[in-house]
Amino acid sequence: MKKHETAVLLFARLSHVPFTNNRAERDLRMSKVKQKVSGCFRTRKHAEAYCRISRYLQTMANQGYNPLVAIQ
């Protein structure tokens, strides 16, 4: 830990550095919550549409855009 202390605590000094580097897990979290709440999608077409829209909104949010503005 001492060897990598600077890299490990970088998030504490720089506000733009995330606490974890696990963006993929965070991006999947909402789809897993949706799956738990609704159980499943009725058709593959609806699942693909949800994933497409969700992926777009997550990308816009990760780039700093307001998702509501991105939809317009």
PDB file of N, CA and C in Angstrom:
ATOM      1  N   MET A   1       0.830  -1.187   0.000  1.00  0.00           N
ATOM      2  CA  MET A   1       0.000   0.000   0.000  1.00  0.00           C
ATOM      3  C   MET A   1       0.878   1.255   0.000  1.00  0.00           C
ATOM      4  N   LYS A   2       1.946   1.249   0.770  1.00  0.00           N
ATOM      5  CA  LYS A   2       2.833   2.418   0.825  1.00  0.00           C
ATOM      6  C   LYS A   2       3.419   2.725  -0.545  1.00  0.00           C
ATOM      7  N   LYS A   3       3.713   1.656  -1.303  1.00  0.00           N
ATOM      8  CA  LYS A   3       4.331   1.819  -2.617  1.00  0.00           C
ATOM      9  C   LYS A   3       3.417   2.582  -3.581  1.00  0.00           C
ATOM     10  N   HIS A   4       2.108   2.381  -3.487  1.00  0.00           N
ATOM     11  CA  HIS A   4       1.143   2.990  -4.397  1.00  0.00           C
ATOM     12  C   HIS A   4       0.241   4.015  -3.712  1.00  0.00           C
ATOM     13  N   GLU A   5       0.683   4.542  -2.599  1.00  0.00           N
ATOM     14  CA  GLU A   5      -0.135   5.468  -1.810  1.00  0.00           C
ATOM     15  C   GLU A   5      -0.579   6.687  -2.621  1.00  0.00           C
ATOM     16  N   THR A   6       0.293   7.249  -3.423  1.00  0.00           N
ATOM     17  CA  THR A   6      -0.043   8.430  -4.222  1.00  0.00           C
ATOM     18  C   THR A   6      -1.180   8.125  -5.195  1.00  0.00           C
ATOM     19  N   ALA A   7      -1.094   7.002  -5.871  1.00  0.00           N
ATOM     20  CA  ALA A   7      -2.134   6.633  -6.843  1.00  0.00           C
ATOM     21  C   ALA A   7      -3.439   6.273  -6.153  1.00  0.00           C
ATOM     22  N   VAL A   8      -3.364   5.592  -5.015  1.00  0.00           N
ATOM     23  CA  VAL A   8      -4.566   5.160  -4.308  1.00  0.00           C
ATOM     24  C   VAL A   8      -5.342   6.352  -3.763  1.00  0.00           C
ATOM     25  N   LEU A   9      -4.653   7.358  -3.298  1.00  0.00           N
ATOM     26  CA  LEU A   9      -5.319   8.518  -2.685  1.00  0.00           C
ATOM     27  C   LEU A   9      -5.499   9.692  -3.643  1.00  0.00           C
ATOM     28  N   LEU A  10      -5.300   9.464  -4.917  1.00  0.00           N
ATOM     29  CA  LEU A  10      -5.432  10.528  -5.900  1.00  0.00           C
ATOM     30  C   LEU A  10      -6.838  11.133  -5.912  1.00  0.00           C
ATOM     31  N   PHE A  11      -7.874  10.302  -5.706  1.00  0.00           N
ATOM     32  CA  PHE A  11      -9.256  10.797  -5.699  1.00  0.00           C
ATOM     33  C   PHE A  11      -9.489  11.818  -4.594  1.00  0.00           C
ATOM     34  N   ALA A  12      -8.726  11.747  -3.506  1.00  0.00           N
ATOM     35  CA  ALA A  12      -8.911  12.674  -2.388  1.00  0.00           C
ATOM     36  C   ALA A  12      -8.374  14.068  -2.725  1.00  0.00           C
ATOM     37  N   ARG A  13      -7.386  14.139  -3.613  1.00  0.00           N
ATOM     38  CA  ARG A  13      -6.796  15.425  -3.976  1.00  0.00           C
ATOM     39  C   ARG A  13      -7.426  16.051  -5.212  1.00  0.00           C
ATOM     40  N   LEU A  14      -7.865  15.224  -6.155  1.00  0.00           N
ATOM     41  CA  LEU A  14      -8.420  15.739  -7.401  1.00  0.00           C
ATOM     42  C   LEU A  14      -9.890  15.355  -7.501  1.00  0.00           C
ATOM     43  N   SER A  15     -10.756  16.338  -7.585  1.00  0.00           N
ATOM     44  CA  SER A  15     -12.196  16.070  -7.557  1.00  0.00           C
ATOM     45  C   SER A  15     -12.708  15.354  -8.804  1.00  0.00           C
ATOM     46  N   HIS A  16     -12.016  15.462  -9.937  1.00  0.00           N
ATOM     47  CA  HIS A  16     -12.492  14.811 -11.158  1.00  0.00           C
ATOM     48  C   HIS A  16     -12.113  13.329 -11.236  1.00  0.00           C
ATOM     49  N   VAL A  17     -11.297  12.852 -10.300  1.00  0.00           N
ATOM     50  CA  VAL A  17     -10.904  11.439 -10.288  1.00  0.00           C
ATOM     51  C   VAL A  17     -11.948  10.655  -9.488  1.00  0.00           C
ATOM     52  N   PRO A  18     -12.563   9.621 -10.088  1.00  0.00           N
ATOM     53  CA  PRO A  18     -13.586   8.840  -9.373  1.00  0.00           C
ATOM     54  C   PRO A  18     -12.976   8.011  -8.245  1.00  0.00           C
ATOM     55  N   PHE A  19     -13.795   7.690  -7.260  1.00  0.00           N
ATOM     56  CA  PHE A  19     -13.363   6.894  -6.106  1.00  0.00           C
ATOM     57  C   PHE A  19     -12.945   5.492  -6.537  1.00  0.00           C
ATOM     58  N   THR A  20     -13.663   4.924  -7.500  1.00  0.00           N
ATOM     59  CA  THR A  20     -13.316   3.600  -8.018  1.00  0.00           C
ATOM     60  C   THR A  20     -13.134   3.696  -9.533  1.00  0.00           C
ATOM     61  N   ASN A  21     -12.531   2.693 -10.102  1.00  0.00           N
ATOM     62  CA  ASN A  21     -12.369   2.663 -11.549  1.00  0.00           C
ATOM     63  C   ASN A  21     -13.350   1.680 -12.180  1.00  0.00           C
ATOM     64  N   ASN A  22     -14.416   1.370 -11.476  1.00  0.00           N
ATOM     65  CA  ASN A  22     -15.337   0.347 -11.931  1.00  0.00           C
ATOM     66  C   ASN A  22     -16.579   0.966 -12.586  1.00  0.00           C
ATOM     67  N   ARG A  23     -16.358   1.716 -13.646  1.00  0.00           N
ATOM     68  CA  ARG A  23     -17.461   2.383 -14.343  1.00  0.00           C
ATOM     69  C   ARG A  23     -18.424   1.373 -14.973  1.00  0.00           C
ATOM     70  N   ALA A  24     -17.884   0.273 -15.474  1.00  0.00           N
ATOM     71  CA  ALA A  24     -18.734  -0.732 -16.130  1.00  0.00           C
ATOM     72  C   ALA A  24     -19.774  -1.289 -15.160  1.00  0.00           C
ATOM     73  N   GLU A  25     -19.364  -1.548 -13.937  1.00  0.00           N
ATOM     74  CA  GLU A  25     -20.304  -2.072 -12.946  1.00  0.00           C
ATOM     75  C   GLU A  25     -21.382  -1.043 -12.624  1.00  0.00           C
ATOM     76  N   ARG A  26     -20.984   0.206 -12.501  1.00  0.00           N
ATOM     77  CA  ARG A  26     -21.966   1.261 -12.213  1.00  0.00           C
ATOM     78  C   ARG A  26     -22.937   1.426 -13.376  1.00  0.00           C
ATOM     79  N   ASP A  27     -22.436   1.298 -14.615  1.00  0.00           N
ATOM     80  CA  ASP A  27     -23.298   1.444 -15.783  1.00  0.00           C
ATOM     81  C   ASP A  27     -24.315   0.313 -15.889  1.00  0.00           C
ATOM     82  N   LEU A  28     -23.970  -0.868 -15.415  1.00  0.00           N
ATOM     83  CA  LEU A  28     -24.879  -2.004 -15.475  1.00  0.00           C
ATOM     84  C   LEU A  28     -25.901  -2.019 -14.342  1.00  0.00           C
ATOM     85  N   ARG A  29     -25.649  -1.246 -13.310  1.00  0.00           N
ATOM     86  CA  ARG A  29     -26.493  -1.297 -12.116  1.00  0.00           C
ATOM     87  C   ARG A  29     -27.967  -1.022 -12.409  1.00  0.00           C
ATOM     88  N   MET A  30     -28.265  -0.013 -13.230  1.00  0.00           N
ATOM     89  CA  MET A  30     -29.671   0.330 -13.491  1.00  0.00           C
ATOM     90  C   MET A  30     -30.395  -0.768 -14.268  1.00  0.00           C
ATOM     91  N   SER A  31     -29.707  -1.436 -15.179  1.00  0.00           N
ATOM     92  CA  SER A  31     -30.368  -2.519 -15.908  1.00  0.00           C
ATOM     93  C   SER A  31     -30.647  -3.701 -14.986  1.00  0.00           C
ATOM     94  N   LYS A  32     -29.765  -3.951 -14.028  1.00  0.00           N
ATOM     95  CA  LYS A  32     -30.012  -5.024 -13.061  1.00  0.00           C
ATOM     96  C   LYS A  32     -31.169  -4.666 -12.140  1.00  0.00           C
ATOM     97  N   VAL A  33     -31.275  -3.417 -11.747  1.00  0.00           N
ATOM     98  CA  VAL A  33     -32.404  -2.978 -10.912  1.00  0.00           C
ATOM     99  C   VAL A  33     -33.702  -3.143 -11.698  1.00  0.00           C
ATOM    100  N   LYS A  34     -33.700  -2.748 -12.973  1.00  0.00           N
ATOM    101  CA  LYS A  34     -34.886  -2.906 -13.806  1.00  0.00           C
ATOM    102  C   LYS A  34     -35.277  -4.373 -13.910  1.00  0.00           C
ATOM    103  N   GLN A  35     -34.301  -5.240 -14.074  1.00  0.00           N
ATOM    104  CA  GLN A  35     -34.566  -6.669 -14.173  1.00  0.00           C
ATOM    105  C   GLN A  35     -35.172  -7.200 -12.873  1.00  0.00           C
ATOM    106  N   LYS A  36     -34.678  -6.750 -11.744  1.00  0.00           N
ATOM    107  CA  LYS A  36     -35.201  -7.212 -10.455  1.00  0.00           C
ATOM    108  C   LYS A  36     -36.627  -6.722 -10.228  1.00  0.00           C
ATOM    109  N   VAL A  37     -36.917  -5.485 -10.626  1.00  0.00           N
ATOM    110  CA  VAL A  37     -38.233  -4.906 -10.395  1.00  0.00           C
ATOM    111  C   VAL A  37     -39.284  -5.515 -11.316  1.00  0.00           C
ATOM    112  N   SER A  38     -38.976  -5.560 -12.615  1.00  0.00           N
ATOM    113  CA  SER A  38     -39.982  -6.023 -13.564  1.00  0.00           C
ATOM    114  C   SER A  38     -39.887  -7.512 -13.869  1.00  0.00           C
ATOM    115  N   GLY A  39     -38.794  -8.143 -13.507  1.00  0.00           N
ATOM    116  CA  GLY A  39     -38.634  -9.568 -13.772  1.00  0.00           C
ATOM    117  C   GLY A  39     -37.964  -9.844 -15.096  1.00  0.00           C
ATOM    118  N   CYS A  40     -38.513  -9.279 -16.174  1.00  0.00           N
ATOM    119  CA  CYS A  40     -37.926  -9.483 -17.502  1.00  0.00           C
ATOM    120  C   CYS A  40     -38.609  -8.564 -18.501  1.00  0.00           C
ATOM    121  N   PHE A  41     -38.071  -8.532 -19.709  1.00  0.00           N
ATOM    122  CA  PHE A  41     -38.718  -7.821 -20.795  1.00  0.00           C
ATOM    123  C   PHE A  41     -39.636  -8.792 -21.519  1.00  0.00           C
ATOM    124  N   ARG A  42     -40.712  -8.289 -22.097  1.00  0.00           N
ATOM    125  CA  ARG A  42     -41.675  -9.155 -22.798  1.00  0.00           C
ATOM    126  C   ARG A  42     -41.116  -9.683 -24.119  1.00  0.00           C
ATOM    127  N   THR A  43     -40.375  -8.836 -24.812  1.00  0.00           N
ATOM    128  CA  THR A  43     -39.814  -9.271 -26.098  1.00  0.00           C
ATOM    129  C   THR A  43     -38.358  -8.835 -26.189  1.00  0.00           C
ATOM    130  N   ARG A  44     -37.620  -9.482 -27.067  1.00  0.00           N
ATOM    131  CA  ARG A  44     -36.228  -9.130 -27.291  1.00  0.00           C
ATOM    132  C   ARG A  44     -36.124  -7.707 -27.858  1.00  0.00           C
ATOM    133  N   LYS A  45     -37.076  -7.337 -28.698  1.00  0.00           N
ATOM    134  CA  LYS A  45     -37.093  -6.004 -29.305  1.00  0.00           C
ATOM    135  C   LYS A  45     -37.150  -4.914 -28.235  1.00  0.00           C
ATOM    136  N   HIS A  46     -37.984  -5.117 -27.232  1.00  0.00           N
ATOM    137  CA  HIS A  46     -38.094  -4.134 -26.149  1.00  0.00           C
ATOM    138  C   HIS A  46     -36.821  -4.095 -25.309  1.00  0.00           C
ATOM    139  N   ALA A  47     -36.201  -5.235 -25.072  1.00  0.00           N
ATOM    140  CA  ALA A  47     -34.949  -5.284 -24.318  1.00  0.00           C
ATOM    141  C   ALA A  47     -33.851  -4.539 -25.070  1.00  0.00           C
ATOM    142  N   GLU A  48     -33.774  -4.739 -26.371  1.00  0.00           N
ATOM    143  CA  GLU A  48     -32.763  -4.058 -27.176  1.00  0.00           C
ATOM    144  C   GLU A  48     -32.993  -2.551 -27.207  1.00  0.00           C
ATOM    145  N   ALA A  49     -34.248  -2.144 -27.299  1.00  0.00           N
ATOM    146  CA  ALA A  49     -34.569  -0.707 -27.292  1.00  0.00           C
ATOM    147  C   ALA A  49     -34.182  -0.085 -25.953  1.00  0.00           C
ATOM    148  N   TYR A  50     -34.491  -0.763 -24.855  1.00  0.00           N
ATOM    149  CA  TYR A  50     -34.115  -0.261 -23.529  1.00  0.00           C
ATOM    150  C   TYR A  50     -32.600  -0.111 -23.425  1.00  0.00           C
ATOM    151  N   CYS A  51     -31.869  -1.125 -23.883  1.00  0.00           N
ATOM    152  CA  CYS A  51     -30.402  -1.083 -23.808  1.00  0.00           C
ATOM    153  C   CYS A  51     -29.834   0.038 -24.668  1.00  0.00           C
ATOM    154  N   ARG A  52     -30.382   0.240 -25.847  1.00  0.00           N
ATOM    155  CA  ARG A  52     -29.903   1.286 -26.746  1.00  0.00           C
ATOM    156  C   ARG A  52     -30.103   2.673 -26.135  1.00  0.00           C
ATOM    157  N   ILE A  53     -31.287   2.904 -25.611  1.00  0.00           N
ATOM    158  CA  ILE A  53     -31.596   4.209 -25.008  1.00  0.00           C
ATOM    159  C   ILE A  53     -30.768   4.420 -23.741  1.00  0.00           C
ATOM    160  N   SER A  54     -30.693   3.394 -22.914  1.00  0.00           N
ATOM    161  CA  SER A  54     -29.935   3.481 -21.672  1.00  0.00           C
ATOM    162  C   SER A  54     -28.458   3.742 -21.941  1.00  0.00           C
ATOM    163  N   ARG A  55     -27.896   3.032 -22.921  1.00  0.00           N
ATOM    164  CA  ARG A  55     -26.481   3.201 -23.264  1.00  0.00           C
ATOM    165  C   ARG A  55     -26.208   4.623 -23.733  1.00  0.00           C
ATOM    166  N   TYR A  56     -27.104   5.168 -24.559  1.00  0.00           N
ATOM    167  CA  TYR A  56     -26.939   6.533 -25.043  1.00  0.00           C
ATOM    168  C   TYR A  56     -26.959   7.536 -23.891  1.00  0.00           C
ATOM    169  N   LEU A  57     -27.942   7.397 -23.001  1.00  0.00           N
ATOM    170  CA  LEU A  57     -28.059   8.329 -21.878  1.00  0.00           C
ATOM    171  C   LEU A  57     -26.868   8.220 -20.931  1.00  0.00           C
ATOM    172  N   GLN A  58     -26.376   7.014 -20.695  1.00  0.00           N
ATOM    173  CA  GLN A  58     -25.205   6.835 -19.836  1.00  0.00           C
ATOM    174  C   GLN A  58     -23.963   7.463 -20.460  1.00  0.00           C
ATOM    175  N   THR A  59     -23.818   7.308 -21.768  1.00  0.00           N
ATOM    176  CA  THR A  59     -22.676   7.909 -22.457  1.00  0.00           C
ATOM    177  C   THR A  59     -22.728   9.423 -22.355  1.00  0.00           C
ATOM    178  N   MET A  60     -23.893   9.994 -22.569  1.00  0.00           N
ATOM    179  CA  MET A  60     -24.036  11.448 -22.465  1.00  0.00           C
ATOM    180  C   MET A  60     -23.740  11.937 -21.044  1.00  0.00           C
ATOM    181  N   ALA A  61     -24.246  11.206 -20.052  1.00  0.00           N
ATOM    182  CA  ALA A  61     -23.992  11.587 -18.661  1.00  0.00           C
ATOM    183  C   ALA A  61     -22.506  11.485 -18.339  1.00  0.00           C
ATOM    184  N   ASN A  62     -21.840  10.447 -18.821  1.00  0.00           N
ATOM    185  CA  ASN A  62     -20.404  10.272 -18.570  1.00  0.00           C
ATOM    186  C   ASN A  62     -19.578  11.373 -19.225  1.00  0.00           C
ATOM    187  N   GLN A  63     -20.083  11.945 -20.316  1.00  0.00           N
ATOM    188  CA  GLN A  63     -19.379  13.040 -20.988  1.00  0.00           C
ATOM    189  C   GLN A  63     -19.766  14.410 -20.445  1.00  0.00           C
ATOM    190  N   GLY A  64     -20.644  14.427 -19.431  1.00  0.00           N
ATOM    191  CA  GLY A  64     -20.996  15.675 -18.773  1.00  0.00           C
ATOM    192  C   GLY A  64     -22.222  16.373 -19.311  1.00  0.00           C
ATOM    193  N   TYR A  65     -22.958  15.737 -20.210  1.00  0.00           N
ATOM    194  CA  TYR A  65     -24.177  16.334 -20.752  1.00  0.00           C
ATOM    195  C   TYR A  65     -25.380  15.993 -19.864  1.00  0.00           C
ATOM    196  N   ASN A  66     -26.315  16.914 -19.814  1.00  0.00           N
ATOM    197  CA  ASN A  66     -27.568  16.672 -19.109  1.00  0.00           C
ATOM    198  C   ASN A  66     -28.381  15.681 -19.944  1.00  0.00           C
ATOM    199  N   PRO A  67     -28.793  14.541 -19.394  1.00  0.00           N
ATOM    200  CA  PRO A  67     -29.544  13.562 -20.159  1.00  0.00           C
ATOM    201  C   PRO A  67     -30.829  14.111 -20.780  1.00  0.00           C
ATOM    202  N   LEU A  68     -31.508  15.027 -20.101  1.00  0.00           N
ATOM    203  CA  LEU A  68     -32.731  15.597 -20.653  1.00  0.00           C
ATOM    204  C   LEU A  68     -32.443  16.443 -21.890  1.00  0.00           C
ATOM    205  N   VAL A  69     -31.331  17.147 -21.873  1.00  0.00           N
ATOM    206  CA  VAL A  69     -30.925  17.936 -23.037  1.00  0.00           C
ATOM    207  C   VAL A  69     -30.484  17.004 -24.151  1.00  0.00           C
ATOM    208  N   ALA A  70     -29.798  15.926 -23.823  1.00  0.00           N
ATOM    209  CA  ALA A  70     -29.301  14.968 -24.819  1.00  0.00           C
ATOM    210  C   ALA A  70     -30.462  14.302 -25.568  1.00  0.00           C
ATOM    211  N   ILE A  71     -31.572  14.076 -24.908  1.00  0.00           N
ATOM    212  CA  ILE A  71     -32.719  13.454 -25.546  1.00  0.00           C
ATOM    213  C   ILE A  71     -33.286  14.371 -26.636  1.00  0.00           C
ATOM    214  N   GLN A  72     -33.278  15.652 -26.360  1.00  0.00           N
ATOM    215  CA  GLN A  72     -33.827  16.608 -27.338  1.00  0.00           C
ATOM    216  C   GLN A  72     -32.936  16.660 -28.537  1.00  0.00           C
TER     217      GLN A  72
END
